[in-house]
Amino acid sequence: QVQLVESGGGLVQAGDSLRLSCAASGRPGGLFAMGWFRQAPGKGREFVAAITWDGSNTYSGDSVKGRFTISRDNAKNTVYLQMNNLKPEDTGVYYCATAVYGPSGSALTRAVSYDYWGQGTQVTVSS
């Protein structure tokens, strides 16, 4: 069983920055791809960013490209999401997830590829 705990959310103004963290524990062994998704009120879960197990490849959703950056520190079992130039439309609950069974490439942009999810952290951007 893998546990994921997100932190770093909050209320900010448009143009501000936030860094989200996702700490993983209870891994069965090995390192896995990680992803961030978000969900705004009344909307479905949206892909934000993903990173392969070794950090060699990253993927970003179209709406966040050039503003958000995903990274990881495997020594700390933690993945980060640096969010710059935040906009009101970035408001939502942000979830991190891990893909244990080895999907890669474009599969990492799909929520169904992930096996474990955190509880989420709220990000609210005021205009």
Protein backbone atom coordinates (compact mmCIF):
# COMPACT_ATOMS: atom_id res chain seq x y z
CA GLN A 1 0.00 0.00 0.00
CA VAL A 2 1.22 3.49 -0.87
CA GLN A 3 0.20 6.62 1.01
CA LEU A 4 0.40 10.06 -0.57
CA VAL A 5 0.07 13.32 1.35
CA GLU A 6 -0.18 16.65 -0.43
CA SER A 7 0.67 19.99 1.14
CA GLY A 8 1.31 23.59 0.15
CA GLY A 9 -2.09 24.70 -1.04
CA GLY A 10 -3.68 27.96 0.01
CA LEU A 11 -5.35 31.20 -0.99
CA VAL A 12 -3.31 33.48 -3.25
CA GLN A 13 -3.85 36.32 -5.66
CA ALA A 14 -3.59 36.13 -9.42
CA GLY A 15 0.05 36.31 -10.50
CA ASP A 16 1.36 34.74 -7.29
CA SER A 17 3.25 31.47 -6.97
CA LEU A 18 2.80 28.34 -4.88
CA ARG A 19 4.74 25.12 -4.52
CA LEU A 20 2.85 21.95 -3.79
CA SER A 21 4.52 18.91 -2.29
CA CYS A 22 3.48 15.29 -2.29
CA ALA A 23 5.20 12.95 0.14
CA ALA A 24 4.98 9.22 -0.52
CA SER A 25 5.32 6.46 2.03
CA GLY A 26 4.70 2.76 2.26
CA ARG A 27 6.13 2.02 -1.16
CA PRO A 28 6.39 -1.69 -1.92
CA GLY A 29 9.80 -1.08 -3.43
CA GLY A 30 11.07 0.75 -6.44
CA LEU A 31 10.24 4.15 -7.80
CA PHE A 32 7.20 5.04 -9.83
CA ALA A 33 5.87 7.70 -12.12
CA MET A 34 4.00 10.47 -10.35
CA GLY A 35 1.35 12.87 -11.53
CA TRP A 36 -0.67 15.90 -10.47
CA PHE A 37 -4.31 16.37 -11.33
CA ARG A 38 -6.81 19.01 -10.30
CA GLN A 39 -10.54 19.28 -9.98
CA ALA A 40 -12.52 22.49 -10.00
CA PRO A 41 -16.03 22.66 -8.53
CA GLY A 42 -18.53 21.02 -10.86
CA LYS A 43 -15.84 19.80 -13.26
CA GLY A 44 -14.00 16.59 -13.95
CA ARG A 45 -10.47 15.75 -12.93
CA GLU A 46 -7.94 17.48 -15.18
CA PHE A 47 -4.38 16.41 -15.89
CA VAL A 48 -1.80 18.95 -14.73
CA ALA A 49 1.65 17.38 -14.90
CA ALA A 50 3.51 14.07 -14.65
CA ILE A 51 7.07 12.89 -14.20
CA THR A 52 8.72 9.55 -14.85
CA TRP A 53 10.29 7.56 -12.04
CA ASP A 54 13.77 8.94 -12.68
CA GLY A 55 12.72 12.46 -13.60
CA SER A 56 14.03 12.10 -17.13
CA ASN A 57 10.70 12.96 -18.73
CA THR A 58 7.96 15.36 -17.72
CA TYR A 59 4.56 16.10 -19.20
CA SER A 60 2.31 19.13 -18.71
CA GLY A 61 -1.27 19.94 -19.51
CA ASP A 62 -1.85 22.58 -22.15
CA SER A 63 -3.41 25.02 -19.70
CA VAL A 64 -0.35 25.07 -17.44
CA LYS A 65 2.54 24.80 -19.88
CA GLY A 66 5.14 27.48 -19.28
CA ARG A 67 3.75 28.25 -15.81
CA PHE A 68 3.87 24.99 -13.81
CA THR A 69 6.89 22.73 -13.33
CA ILE A 70 6.92 19.24 -11.87
CA SER A 71 10.02 17.83 -10.20
CA ARG A 72 10.93 15.10 -7.74
CA ASP A 73 13.45 14.26 -5.06
CA ASN A 74 13.64 10.49 -4.86
CA ALA A 75 15.84 10.62 -1.77
CA LYS A 76 12.91 12.25 0.01
CA ASN A 77 10.17 10.30 -1.78
CA THR A 78 8.62 13.64 -2.66
CA VAL A 79 7.29 15.19 -5.85
CA TYR A 80 6.75 18.92 -6.25
CA LEU A 81 4.60 21.16 -8.38
CA GLN A 82 5.92 24.69 -8.76
CA MET A 83 3.07 26.93 -9.88
CA ASN A 84 3.91 30.40 -11.16
CA ASN A 85 1.74 33.18 -12.52
CA LEU A 86 -1.37 31.63 -11.04
CA LYS A 87 -4.73 32.47 -12.55
CA PRO A 88 -8.26 32.26 -11.10
CA GLU A 89 -8.96 29.33 -13.43
CA ASP A 90 -6.23 27.38 -11.62
CA THR A 91 -8.51 27.18 -8.59
CA GLY A 92 -9.36 23.66 -7.50
CA VAL A 93 -8.34 20.70 -5.42
CA TYR A 94 -4.95 19.38 -6.46
CA TYR A 95 -4.27 15.67 -6.18
CA CYS A 96 -1.05 13.77 -6.56
CA ALA A 97 -1.03 10.19 -7.73
CA THR A 98 1.40 7.40 -8.38
CA ALA A 99 1.40 4.84 -11.18
CA VAL A 100 2.76 1.55 -9.85
CA TYR A 101 2.36 -0.69 -12.86
CA GLY A 102 4.63 1.10 -15.27
CA PRO A 103 2.61 3.24 -17.68
CA SER A 104 4.65 5.67 -19.70
CA GLY A 105 4.39 8.42 -22.24
CA SER A 106 0.95 9.78 -22.98
CA ALA A 107 -0.61 7.23 -20.63
CA LEU A 108 0.68 9.34 -17.77
CA THR A 109 -1.73 12.10 -18.75
CA ARG A 110 -4.74 9.88 -18.00
CA ALA A 111 -6.15 9.48 -14.50
CA VAL A 112 -6.97 5.80 -15.09
CA SER A 113 -3.25 5.04 -15.33
CA TYR A 114 -2.72 5.85 -11.65
CA ASP A 115 -3.16 3.43 -8.79
CA TYR A 116 -2.88 5.49 -5.61
CA TRP A 117 -4.14 8.98 -4.89
CA GLY A 118 -3.69 11.51 -2.14
CA GLN A 119 -6.51 13.33 -0.38
CA GLY A 120 -5.86 16.58 -2.21
CA THR A 121 -4.94 20.13 -1.27
CA GLN A 122 -7.05 23.19 -2.04
CA VAL A 123 -5.65 25.97 -4.20
CA THR A 124 -7.70 29.13 -4.51
CA VAL A 125 -6.62 31.99 -6.74
CA SER A 126 -8.44 35.29 -6.38
CA SER A 127 -8.60 37.86 -9.15
